[in-house]
Each structure stands twice: as C-alpha cells, then as structure tokens.
C-alpha cells in the first residue's frame, strides 16, 4: 500500500520539532528520487507505535480526500546516520529501527496557519472534513499553539499525526464515551483546542458529503491500513489494530459522530 524508498541524501533539519524529523532525498526502486520529511522511530516518544499511527492516519486521510502529503516507508541504510551533521538527529537515526516514516515535502510558499487566519467560504468543506477527521481519531495536536497546518490562499495542507489514536486501546478497556456518543467530543469545546473550531461555528457545511466519504470506507480498505505496517514495526500491531477498529466503529456510527461534531460547533 505504501511505496518503499531508500534514504540517500541528508538535506536539512527543519527546526526543532518534537520528533526531530529530517529533510531527505530518497531513491525509488526505479532510480528516480523524491524529497521527503522523515521521522525515525527513536525520535518518537512511543517509537514505532507513533510511526504506525502516522501511516494509518495518512492512509485514512487520503481515502477521505483530505490534503495530506503522500506517505512513504523509508529504508535507512546502516551507514546513513554517519552523514547527518546534526548531532541530535544523527543519534536518533542511529538508534532507530531501519525503516522510518516519510511524507512528501510540501513546497510552494505555504505559510503556517496562525491565530486569526480566516476560513474562507472555499475552505469550509475542507476545514470541516479535517475537523471531523481529527475529532474521530483523537488528534489533540492541531491546536492554536501548534497548528500542524499550512495554508496558501484557499489551499490547506495538514501533517503530523503521530499522536492520533492514543485513546483507541482505552476505548476498548475503559470504555469512555466514544466520539459518536453525546459528550464524547467535549474536549473540543475548549477554546483553542482545535484551530478550525471557532471559524466553523455558525457556518453552513455540506455534512452529507463528509458522511458519504466515511461511509465509503470498505472493510477491505481498512484491513489494508493494518497490512501497510511493515514487519519492522511489529511491536506496534496491537495499537494499529485498535486504531483500525476505532475507524471501523466510527464509520458504522458516523451519524452519531456528526451529531456530536455539530453539537461541539454550536
């Protein structure tokens, strides 16, 4: 489901993000190259679990038609870490499993979504679909002080989903209100908890279109998300299975999810 490429050139360290990603040039099997933002397992608090969550979130976002960069699996050769000049990132890559998560580099003069950025009419459906996606998968990492969102005119790009599905296992074990239950999305009522909430309140949204996207997720396709997790990340499979189960349950209860989302946006 995800293509494999091989890291061949270190380009830059893009800031000091939590996971210490790196901008790499990677080689495809046909010899062509692609520029990616790459996260190695040792840079993530939960290691390969966070990488697996990135894969599942990216696959889901793509199937829902959301503006997320194409995901990749990146093979890191044993000697690659030695060419990284940044000490911290060099050690992170050296300590990681040999397969990392990559996403296509976003180019084209996008700017970071900042407080006060207005949701235009042309953005409303995309913003509402992203809000729905984040609400259902429990993404707490698209908030006012950490947008993980770029914008250029009416175009939006979203990224960084390693913190999604953190409650997927808890939903099985502790059974808190799921996102389709009344009050299940109450944390999103907190001001600043999501960059799009304030701008979506009172807006007219084509909710049937969003509902149809979720209803169109087949069981076969959802199973492919789990199958996309490489064997090098085997330790993450229980969490991956729980994440896919949550997606399946949300799809089957999408009416309830959207009712709760509409309540949060009132």
Foldseek 3Di string as FASTA:
>chain_A
DAFEWEFDAWDAFDDDDQLRWTWTWTAGPVGDIATWTWGFQLSDPRGLLLQLQQLLLQLLCVLLVAAEFGKHKYFYDQCNLVVDPDVVVSVSCNPGQRIIMIGGDDDDPWDDDAPPDAQDPLQQQNLLLVVLSCQLQVQQQCFRVHNQWTDDPNDIYHHDRSCTLPCLVVCVVVVDPHLLDAVNRVVLLPPRSHRCLVNNQPDDYPVVSSLVSLLPCDPVSLVVSLVPSDPSSVVNNVSSVSSSVSSVVCNVSVVSNVVNVNVSSD
